[in-house]
N, C-alpha and C. Protein backbone atom coordinates (compact mmCIF):
# COMPACT_ATOMS: atom_id res chain seq x y z
N ILE A 1 -21.97 27.70 55.59
CA ILE A 1 -22.19 27.68 54.13
C ILE A 1 -22.74 26.35 53.76
N LEU A 2 -23.78 26.33 52.94
CA LEU A 2 -24.36 25.01 52.44
C LEU A 2 -24.12 24.95 50.98
N VAL A 3 -23.47 23.79 50.51
CA VAL A 3 -23.17 23.61 49.13
C VAL A 3 -23.86 22.44 48.54
N CYS A 4 -24.43 22.60 47.30
CA CYS A 4 -25.03 21.50 46.61
C CYS A 4 -24.71 21.63 45.11
N LYS A 5 -23.73 20.93 44.61
CA LYS A 5 -23.40 21.01 43.28
C LYS A 5 -24.06 19.77 42.50
N ASN A 6 -23.79 19.75 41.21
CA ASN A 6 -24.40 18.78 40.34
C ASN A 6 -23.97 17.33 40.71
N SER A 7 -22.72 17.19 41.15
CA SER A 7 -22.22 15.81 41.57
C SER A 7 -21.66 15.96 43.02
N VAL A 8 -21.74 14.86 43.72
CA VAL A 8 -21.22 14.88 45.11
C VAL A 8 -19.76 15.15 45.11
N MET A 9 -19.00 14.73 44.07
CA MET A 9 -17.55 14.94 44.00
C MET A 9 -17.30 16.52 43.91
N GLU A 10 -18.08 17.19 43.02
CA GLU A 10 -17.98 18.65 42.89
C GLU A 10 -18.29 19.31 44.22
N SER A 11 -19.30 18.87 44.88
CA SER A 11 -19.66 19.43 46.21
C SER A 11 -18.58 19.26 47.18
N LYS A 12 -17.93 18.03 47.21
CA LYS A 12 -16.82 17.84 48.17
C LYS A 12 -15.65 18.77 47.83
N ILE A 13 -15.31 18.95 46.59
CA ILE A 13 -14.20 19.80 46.25
C ILE A 13 -14.50 21.25 46.66
N PHE A 14 -15.74 21.73 46.39
CA PHE A 14 -16.10 23.08 46.75
C PHE A 14 -16.03 23.21 48.28
N GLY A 15 -16.59 22.18 48.93
CA GLY A 15 -16.55 22.19 50.45
C GLY A 15 -15.23 22.25 50.98
N SER A 16 -14.31 21.45 50.40
CA SER A 16 -12.92 21.41 50.89
C SER A 16 -12.23 22.79 50.75
N ILE A 17 -12.50 23.37 49.58
CA ILE A 17 -11.87 24.75 49.40
C ILE A 17 -12.41 25.74 50.35
N LEU A 18 -13.68 25.75 50.54
CA LEU A 18 -14.28 26.73 51.49
C LEU A 18 -13.97 26.47 52.99
N LYS A 19 -13.64 25.22 53.29
CA LYS A 19 -13.34 24.91 54.69
C LYS A 19 -12.00 25.42 55.07
N HIS A 20 -11.15 25.87 54.12
CA HIS A 20 -9.88 26.46 54.47
C HIS A 20 -10.14 27.81 55.08
N THR A 21 -11.18 28.42 54.74
CA THR A 21 -11.48 29.81 55.36
C THR A 21 -12.66 29.78 56.30
N TYR A 22 -13.63 28.94 56.12
CA TYR A 22 -14.82 28.90 56.88
C TYR A 22 -14.94 27.56 57.59
N GLN A 23 -15.24 27.54 58.93
CA GLN A 23 -15.35 26.36 59.72
C GLN A 23 -16.55 25.53 59.33
N ASP A 24 -17.73 26.25 59.17
CA ASP A 24 -18.94 25.56 59.04
C ASP A 24 -19.45 25.50 57.55
N VAL A 25 -19.03 24.42 56.90
CA VAL A 25 -19.36 24.18 55.52
C VAL A 25 -20.03 22.78 55.48
N ASP A 26 -21.26 22.77 54.97
CA ASP A 26 -21.96 21.46 54.87
C ASP A 26 -22.27 21.22 53.33
N ILE A 27 -22.22 20.02 52.96
CA ILE A 27 -22.56 19.61 51.54
C ILE A 27 -23.72 18.64 51.65
N VAL A 28 -24.61 18.86 50.67
CA VAL A 28 -25.77 17.86 50.62
C VAL A 28 -25.79 17.25 49.22
N PRO A 29 -26.27 15.98 49.11
CA PRO A 29 -26.17 15.29 47.80
C PRO A 29 -27.21 15.55 46.80
N ASN A 30 -28.37 16.22 47.25
CA ASN A 30 -29.44 16.39 46.26
C ASN A 30 -30.35 17.61 46.65
N PHE A 31 -31.25 17.96 45.78
CA PHE A 31 -32.11 19.10 45.94
C PHE A 31 -33.06 18.97 47.15
N ASP A 32 -33.60 17.79 47.35
CA ASP A 32 -34.53 17.56 48.45
C ASP A 32 -33.83 17.77 49.83
N GLU A 33 -32.57 17.23 49.90
CA GLU A 33 -31.84 17.43 51.13
C GLU A 33 -31.44 18.87 51.35
N LEU A 34 -31.14 19.56 50.23
CA LEU A 34 -30.86 20.97 50.32
C LEU A 34 -32.05 21.78 50.96
N LEU A 35 -33.23 21.50 50.48
CA LEU A 35 -34.40 22.11 51.07
C LEU A 35 -34.64 21.83 52.55
N LYS A 36 -34.42 20.58 52.89
CA LYS A 36 -34.49 20.15 54.32
C LYS A 36 -33.46 20.89 55.16
N GLN A 37 -32.25 21.03 54.73
CA GLN A 37 -31.20 21.70 55.48
C GLN A 37 -31.57 23.17 55.63
N ILE A 38 -32.01 23.81 54.53
CA ILE A 38 -32.35 25.21 54.66
C ILE A 38 -33.46 25.44 55.70
N ALA A 39 -34.42 24.55 55.73
CA ALA A 39 -35.50 24.64 56.69
C ALA A 39 -35.09 24.38 58.14
N SER A 40 -34.08 23.53 58.36
CA SER A 40 -33.72 23.12 59.73
C SER A 40 -32.51 23.72 60.29
N GLU A 41 -31.71 24.36 59.48
CA GLU A 41 -30.41 24.98 59.99
C GLU A 41 -30.32 26.44 59.65
N ASN A 42 -29.43 27.13 60.39
CA ASN A 42 -29.16 28.59 60.06
C ASN A 42 -27.84 28.71 59.32
N TYR A 43 -27.87 28.91 58.04
CA TYR A 43 -26.77 29.15 57.19
C TYR A 43 -26.78 30.64 56.80
N LYS A 44 -25.56 31.09 56.48
CA LYS A 44 -25.46 32.47 56.02
C LYS A 44 -25.46 32.51 54.48
N LEU A 45 -25.01 31.38 53.87
CA LEU A 45 -24.90 31.27 52.40
C LEU A 45 -25.22 29.96 51.85
N VAL A 46 -25.94 29.84 50.82
CA VAL A 46 -26.17 28.62 50.11
C VAL A 46 -25.68 28.79 48.68
N MET A 47 -24.95 27.76 48.23
CA MET A 47 -24.45 27.82 46.87
C MET A 47 -24.99 26.53 46.13
N VAL A 48 -25.72 26.78 45.04
CA VAL A 48 -26.48 25.67 44.48
C VAL A 48 -26.28 25.65 42.88
N ASP A 49 -26.13 24.48 42.32
CA ASP A 49 -25.95 24.31 40.94
C ASP A 49 -27.29 24.18 40.24
N LYS A 50 -27.54 24.96 39.20
CA LYS A 50 -28.75 24.86 38.46
C LYS A 50 -28.92 23.51 37.74
N LYS A 51 -27.79 22.82 37.40
CA LYS A 51 -27.81 21.62 36.75
C LYS A 51 -28.20 20.45 37.69
N LEU A 52 -28.40 20.68 38.90
CA LEU A 52 -28.75 19.71 39.96
C LEU A 52 -30.02 19.08 39.56
N ASN A 53 -30.07 17.75 39.67
CA ASN A 53 -31.24 16.96 39.31
C ASN A 53 -32.47 17.43 40.23
N GLY A 54 -33.51 17.83 39.63
CA GLY A 54 -34.66 18.24 40.40
C GLY A 54 -34.63 19.70 40.84
N PHE A 55 -33.67 20.47 40.35
CA PHE A 55 -33.56 21.91 40.63
C PHE A 55 -34.89 22.62 40.35
N ASN A 56 -35.33 23.38 41.27
CA ASN A 56 -36.54 24.19 41.06
C ASN A 56 -36.29 25.56 41.72
N ALA A 57 -36.20 26.59 40.84
CA ALA A 57 -35.82 27.86 41.37
C ALA A 57 -36.85 28.45 42.24
N ASP A 58 -38.12 28.23 41.98
CA ASP A 58 -39.21 28.79 42.73
C ASP A 58 -39.20 28.13 44.14
N LYS A 59 -39.09 26.79 44.26
CA LYS A 59 -39.00 26.06 45.50
C LYS A 59 -37.86 26.53 46.28
N LEU A 60 -36.70 26.76 45.68
CA LEU A 60 -35.52 27.18 46.41
C LEU A 60 -35.77 28.62 46.92
N ALA A 61 -36.27 29.47 46.15
CA ALA A 61 -36.51 30.87 46.52
C ALA A 61 -37.53 30.89 47.72
N ASN A 62 -38.58 30.05 47.64
CA ASN A 62 -39.55 29.98 48.73
C ASN A 62 -38.88 29.50 49.98
N ALA A 63 -38.03 28.49 49.89
CA ALA A 63 -37.43 27.94 51.11
C ALA A 63 -36.50 29.00 51.76
N ILE A 64 -35.80 29.71 50.92
CA ILE A 64 -34.93 30.79 51.46
C ILE A 64 -35.81 31.87 52.05
N ASN A 65 -36.84 32.31 51.44
CA ASN A 65 -37.76 33.32 52.00
C ASN A 65 -38.33 32.88 53.29
N GLU A 66 -38.73 31.63 53.43
CA GLU A 66 -39.33 31.14 54.66
C GLU A 66 -38.19 31.15 55.71
N HIS A 67 -37.11 30.72 55.38
CA HIS A 67 -35.88 30.67 56.36
C HIS A 67 -35.72 32.16 56.90
N ASN A 68 -35.63 33.07 56.00
CA ASN A 68 -35.32 34.48 56.30
C ASN A 68 -36.42 35.10 57.18
N ALA A 69 -37.70 34.68 56.93
CA ALA A 69 -38.82 35.15 57.73
C ALA A 69 -38.84 34.65 59.11
N SER A 70 -38.26 33.42 59.31
CA SER A 70 -38.33 32.83 60.68
C SER A 70 -37.00 32.83 61.42
N SER A 71 -36.00 33.29 60.77
CA SER A 71 -34.60 33.25 61.42
C SER A 71 -34.04 34.59 61.50
N GLY A 72 -33.17 34.79 62.51
CA GLY A 72 -32.44 36.08 62.63
C GLY A 72 -31.31 36.18 61.68
N VAL A 73 -31.02 35.08 61.00
CA VAL A 73 -29.88 35.04 60.05
C VAL A 73 -30.42 35.10 58.67
N LYS A 74 -29.95 36.17 57.88
CA LYS A 74 -30.43 36.26 56.50
C LYS A 74 -29.60 35.31 55.63
N LEU A 75 -30.20 34.40 54.96
CA LEU A 75 -29.56 33.43 54.12
C LEU A 75 -29.36 34.06 52.73
N LYS A 76 -28.06 34.16 52.30
CA LYS A 76 -27.82 34.66 50.99
C LYS A 76 -27.67 33.46 50.02
N SER A 77 -27.80 33.73 48.71
CA SER A 77 -27.90 32.66 47.75
C SER A 77 -27.09 32.90 46.56
N VAL A 78 -26.33 31.88 46.10
CA VAL A 78 -25.53 31.97 44.85
C VAL A 78 -25.95 30.72 44.07
N ILE A 79 -26.27 31.00 42.81
CA ILE A 79 -26.64 29.89 41.85
C ILE A 79 -25.55 29.79 40.82
N PHE A 80 -25.06 28.55 40.63
CA PHE A 80 -24.14 28.32 39.44
C PHE A 80 -25.04 28.07 38.24
N ALA A 81 -24.97 28.89 37.29
CA ALA A 81 -25.73 28.78 36.08
C ALA A 81 -25.14 29.67 35.03
N ASP A 82 -25.79 29.68 33.90
CA ASP A 82 -25.32 30.63 32.85
C ASP A 82 -25.85 32.08 33.27
N PRO A 83 -24.95 32.96 33.48
CA PRO A 83 -25.36 34.37 33.93
C PRO A 83 -26.34 34.99 32.98
N GLU A 84 -26.38 34.54 31.75
CA GLU A 84 -27.24 35.12 30.72
C GLU A 84 -28.70 34.53 30.86
N ASP A 85 -28.83 33.42 31.66
CA ASP A 85 -30.13 32.83 31.85
C ASP A 85 -30.98 33.75 32.59
N GLY A 86 -32.16 34.14 31.95
CA GLY A 86 -32.98 35.13 32.60
C GLY A 86 -34.06 34.47 33.47
N MET A 87 -34.04 33.19 33.78
CA MET A 87 -35.09 32.53 34.47
C MET A 87 -35.14 32.84 36.01
N PHE A 88 -34.16 33.58 36.46
CA PHE A 88 -34.09 33.76 37.92
C PHE A 88 -34.75 35.04 38.46
N GLY A 89 -34.93 36.03 37.60
CA GLY A 89 -35.64 37.23 37.91
C GLY A 89 -35.38 37.84 39.26
N GLY A 90 -34.12 37.93 39.66
CA GLY A 90 -33.77 38.62 40.91
C GLY A 90 -34.17 37.87 42.21
N LYS A 91 -34.39 36.55 42.12
CA LYS A 91 -34.81 35.74 43.22
C LYS A 91 -33.60 35.40 44.13
N PHE A 92 -32.41 35.50 43.58
CA PHE A 92 -31.23 35.07 44.27
C PHE A 92 -30.17 36.25 44.35
N ASP A 93 -29.25 36.17 45.27
CA ASP A 93 -28.28 37.18 45.47
C ASP A 93 -27.28 37.31 44.33
N ALA A 94 -26.86 36.13 43.71
CA ALA A 94 -25.88 36.18 42.64
C ALA A 94 -26.10 34.90 41.77
N ILE A 95 -25.85 35.19 40.47
CA ILE A 95 -25.84 34.07 39.51
C ILE A 95 -24.33 34.09 38.97
N THR A 96 -23.70 32.99 39.08
CA THR A 96 -22.32 32.92 38.62
C THR A 96 -22.09 31.75 37.66
N LYS A 97 -21.04 31.87 36.87
CA LYS A 97 -20.83 30.87 35.82
C LYS A 97 -20.45 29.48 36.53
N TYR A 98 -20.61 28.39 35.74
CA TYR A 98 -20.39 27.10 36.22
C TYR A 98 -18.94 26.90 36.56
N SER A 99 -18.02 27.29 35.72
CA SER A 99 -16.64 27.13 35.93
C SER A 99 -16.10 28.35 36.80
N ILE A 100 -15.51 27.98 37.96
CA ILE A 100 -15.00 29.03 38.78
C ILE A 100 -13.72 28.58 39.42
N THR A 101 -12.80 29.55 39.52
CA THR A 101 -11.51 29.17 40.12
C THR A 101 -11.57 29.12 41.64
N LYS A 102 -10.58 28.53 42.25
CA LYS A 102 -10.54 28.48 43.74
C LYS A 102 -10.55 29.91 44.30
N ALA A 103 -9.82 30.75 43.75
CA ALA A 103 -9.72 32.15 44.24
C ALA A 103 -11.06 32.90 44.08
N ASP A 104 -11.73 32.68 42.97
CA ASP A 104 -12.99 33.24 42.71
C ASP A 104 -14.12 32.74 43.59
N LEU A 105 -13.99 31.47 43.93
CA LEU A 105 -14.94 30.82 44.86
C LEU A 105 -14.80 31.41 46.25
N GLU A 106 -13.57 31.48 46.67
CA GLU A 106 -13.34 32.11 47.98
C GLU A 106 -13.79 33.62 48.04
N LYS A 107 -13.51 34.34 47.01
CA LYS A 107 -14.03 35.73 46.96
C LYS A 107 -15.52 35.84 46.96
N LEU A 108 -16.16 34.93 46.26
CA LEU A 108 -17.60 34.91 46.18
C LEU A 108 -18.19 34.69 47.56
N ALA A 109 -17.68 33.69 48.30
CA ALA A 109 -18.15 33.38 49.64
C ALA A 109 -17.87 34.60 50.53
N LYS A 110 -16.73 35.15 50.44
CA LYS A 110 -16.39 36.34 51.29
C LYS A 110 -17.38 37.51 51.10
N LYS A 111 -17.81 37.65 49.83
CA LYS A 111 -18.65 38.71 49.50
C LYS A 111 -19.99 38.70 50.26
N PHE A 112 -20.44 37.43 50.58
CA PHE A 112 -21.81 37.31 51.20
C PHE A 112 -21.72 36.90 52.57
N ILE A 113 -20.52 36.74 53.20
CA ILE A 113 -20.46 36.33 54.59
C ILE A 113 -19.76 37.40 55.39
């Protein structure tokens, strides 16, 4: 699982929660690093905050599509955003609200892994 939230502290909290269930959880500090990790590693799930500085839905969708075309592992994607925001147009596997409980975060990860 690859996690990139709006702040490094949020990413660390999410990473810590997910590490209770999943061994391989990485966090990255910014959008550019996120794109580099997607290109160079095989993840099953990426969780990204729309509020992230430099967030670009098209670049992220392209990076995921390129990963999926060249890898045997299909990368699933969850975006933390306003679920009513129509800007994503089916590019990602799930859009979920910014505030999420520990249990809901674990359930969300389990759904895609």
